[in-house]
């Protein structure tokens, strides 16, 4: 079974990404643990971090940083749909 792929990404505060996958699930991924060294360290710039896009498979930034689709899907937290109260 193929893992779902990212179809929409919205950068959030505190280096979090809100990601919608092609199976309809919405999850939040914490990028903070990856922001180290010269390569991923560029993501510490909030303006650059917020330039993230989907590439039809995963998420990436203009200078080539990306995250493995498996990592994105399996290491993110599901967002539960809001429950209507009567």
C-alpha atoms as a PDB file:
ATOM      1  CA  UNK A   1       0.000   0.000   0.000  1.00  0.00           C
ATOM      2  CA  UNK A   2       1.357   3.398  -0.953  1.00  0.00           C
ATOM      3  CA  UNK A   3       1.521   6.046   1.687  1.00  0.00           C
ATOM      4  CA  UNK A   4      -0.538   9.197   1.123  1.00  0.00           C
ATOM      5  CA  UNK A   5       1.229  12.148  -0.483  1.00  0.00           C
ATOM      6  CA  UNK A   6       1.072  15.836   0.422  1.00  0.00           C
ATOM      7  CA  UNK A   7      -1.271  17.909  -1.745  1.00  0.00           C
ATOM      8  CA  UNK A   8      -1.439  21.109   0.325  1.00  0.00           C
ATOM      9  CA  UNK A   9       0.834  22.671   2.908  1.00  0.00           C
ATOM     10  CA  UNK A  10       0.339  25.728   5.093  1.00  0.00           C
ATOM     11  CA  UNK A  11       3.201  26.943   7.294  1.00  0.00           C
ATOM     12  CA  UNK A  12       2.185  27.736  10.854  1.00  0.00           C
ATOM     13  CA  UNK A  13       3.830  29.416  13.842  1.00  0.00           C
ATOM     14  CA  UNK A  14       6.575  27.620  15.766  1.00  0.00           C
ATOM     15  CA  UNK A  15       7.906  25.812  12.654  1.00  0.00           C
ATOM     16  CA  UNK A  16       4.843  23.619  12.220  1.00  0.00           C
ATOM     17  CA  UNK A  17       3.332  22.591   8.890  1.00  0.00           C
ATOM     18  CA  UNK A  18      -0.349  21.917   8.344  1.00  0.00           C
ATOM     19  CA  UNK A  19      -0.483  19.287   5.611  1.00  0.00           C
ATOM     20  CA  UNK A  20      -3.415  17.883   3.645  1.00  0.00           C
ATOM     21  CA  UNK A  21      -2.749  14.477   2.118  1.00  0.00           C
ATOM     22  CA  UNK A  22      -4.312  12.974  -1.003  1.00  0.00           C
ATOM     23  CA  UNK A  23      -6.439  10.644   1.150  1.00  0.00           C
ATOM     24  CA  UNK A  24      -8.153  13.685   2.724  1.00  0.00           C
ATOM     25  CA  UNK A  25      -6.341  13.507   6.062  1.00  0.00           C
ATOM     26  CA  UNK A  26      -5.040  16.726   7.581  1.00  0.00           C
ATOM     27  CA  UNK A  27      -2.046  16.518   9.886  1.00  0.00           C
ATOM     28  CA  UNK A  28       0.479  18.765  11.598  1.00  0.00           C
ATOM     29  CA  UNK A  29       4.208  18.127  11.224  1.00  0.00           C
ATOM     30  CA  UNK A  30       6.821  19.650  13.535  1.00  0.00           C
ATOM     31  CA  UNK A  31       9.904  20.696  11.566  1.00  0.00           C
ATOM     32  CA  UNK A  32      11.870  21.976  14.611  1.00  0.00           C
ATOM     33  CA  UNK A  33      13.885  18.746  15.147  1.00  0.00           C
ATOM     34  CA  UNK A  34      15.218  19.009  11.571  1.00  0.00           C
ATOM     35  CA  UNK A  35      16.381  22.635  11.780  1.00  0.00           C
ATOM     36  CA  UNK A  36      20.084  22.156  12.384  1.00  0.00           C
ATOM     37  CA  UNK A  37      23.296  22.188  10.366  1.00  0.00           C
ATOM     38  CA  UNK A  38      23.928  24.307   7.318  1.00  0.00           C
ATOM     39  CA  UNK A  39      21.399  22.574   5.029  1.00  0.00           C
ATOM     40  CA  UNK A  40      18.231  22.481   7.126  1.00  0.00           C
ATOM     41  CA  UNK A  41      19.460  25.383   9.264  1.00  0.00           C
ATOM     42  CA  UNK A  42      18.202  27.721   6.535  1.00  0.00           C
ATOM     43  CA  UNK A  43      14.677  26.813   7.660  1.00  0.00           C
ATOM     44  CA  UNK A  44      15.254  28.776  10.872  1.00  0.00           C
ATOM     45  CA  UNK A  45      14.612  31.957   8.868  1.00  0.00           C
ATOM     46  CA  UNK A  46      10.841  32.435   9.386  1.00  0.00           C
ATOM     47  CA  UNK A  47      10.365  34.077   5.977  1.00  0.00           C
ATOM     48  CA  UNK A  48      12.171  31.241   4.199  1.00  0.00           C
ATOM     49  CA  UNK A  49      10.355  28.601   6.275  1.00  0.00           C
ATOM     50  CA  UNK A  50       7.003  30.050   5.201  1.00  0.00           C
ATOM     51  CA  UNK A  51       7.947  29.718   1.517  1.00  0.00           C
ATOM     52  CA  UNK A  52       7.325  25.941   1.670  1.00  0.00           C
ATOM     53  CA  UNK A  53       5.352  24.364  -1.210  1.00  0.00           C
ATOM     54  CA  UNK A  54       4.093  20.934  -2.170  1.00  0.00           C
ATOM     55  CA  UNK A  55       5.660  19.201  -5.151  1.00  0.00           C
ATOM     56  CA  UNK A  56       2.941  16.608  -5.753  1.00  0.00           C
ATOM     57  CA  UNK A  57       4.732  14.127  -3.532  1.00  0.00           C
ATOM     58  CA  UNK A  58       6.118  15.866  -0.465  1.00  0.00           C
ATOM     59  CA  UNK A  59       6.988  19.405   0.677  1.00  0.00           C
ATOM     60  CA  UNK A  60      10.043  21.430  -0.298  1.00  0.00           C
ATOM     61  CA  UNK A  61      11.746  24.802  -0.156  1.00  0.00           C
ATOM     62  CA  UNK A  62      13.390  26.839  -2.928  1.00  0.00           C
ATOM     63  CA  UNK A  63      16.972  25.834  -2.061  1.00  0.00           C
ATOM     64  CA  UNK A  64      16.145  22.120  -2.255  1.00  0.00           C
ATOM     65  CA  UNK A  65      15.371  21.170   1.319  1.00  0.00           C
ATOM     66  CA  UNK A  66      12.603  18.600   1.431  1.00  0.00           C
ATOM     67  CA  UNK A  67      11.151  16.030   3.788  1.00  0.00           C
ATOM     68  CA  UNK A  68      10.612  12.355   3.063  1.00  0.00           C
ATOM     69  CA  UNK A  69       6.921  11.630   2.369  1.00  0.00           C
ATOM     70  CA  UNK A  70       7.010   8.711   4.830  1.00  0.00           C
ATOM     71  CA  UNK A  71       8.439  11.014   7.490  1.00  0.00           C
ATOM     72  CA  UNK A  72       5.736  13.614   6.837  1.00  0.00           C
ATOM     73  CA  UNK A  73       2.862  11.171   7.007  1.00  0.00           C
ATOM     74  CA  UNK A  74       3.919   8.811   9.783  1.00  0.00           C
ATOM     75  CA  UNK A  75       5.505  11.393  12.090  1.00  0.00           C
ATOM     76  CA  UNK A  76       2.747  13.999  12.021  1.00  0.00           C
ATOM     77  CA  UNK A  77      -0.252  14.389  14.273  1.00  0.00           C
ATOM     78  CA  UNK A  78      -3.778  14.056  12.935  1.00  0.00           C
ATOM     79  CA  UNK A  79      -6.106  17.007  13.203  1.00  0.00           C
ATOM     80  CA  UNK A  80      -9.486  15.867  14.373  1.00  0.00           C
ATOM     81  CA  UNK A  81     -12.488  17.420  12.644  1.00  0.00           C
ATOM     82  CA  UNK A  82     -14.504  19.866  14.715  1.00  0.00           C
ATOM     83  CA  UNK A  83     -17.580  18.375  16.351  1.00  0.00           C
ATOM     84  CA  UNK A  84     -20.787  20.367  16.089  1.00  0.00           C
ATOM     85  CA  UNK A  85     -22.502  20.979  19.415  1.00  0.00           C
ATOM     86  CA  UNK A  86     -26.272  21.170  19.681  1.00  0.00           C
END
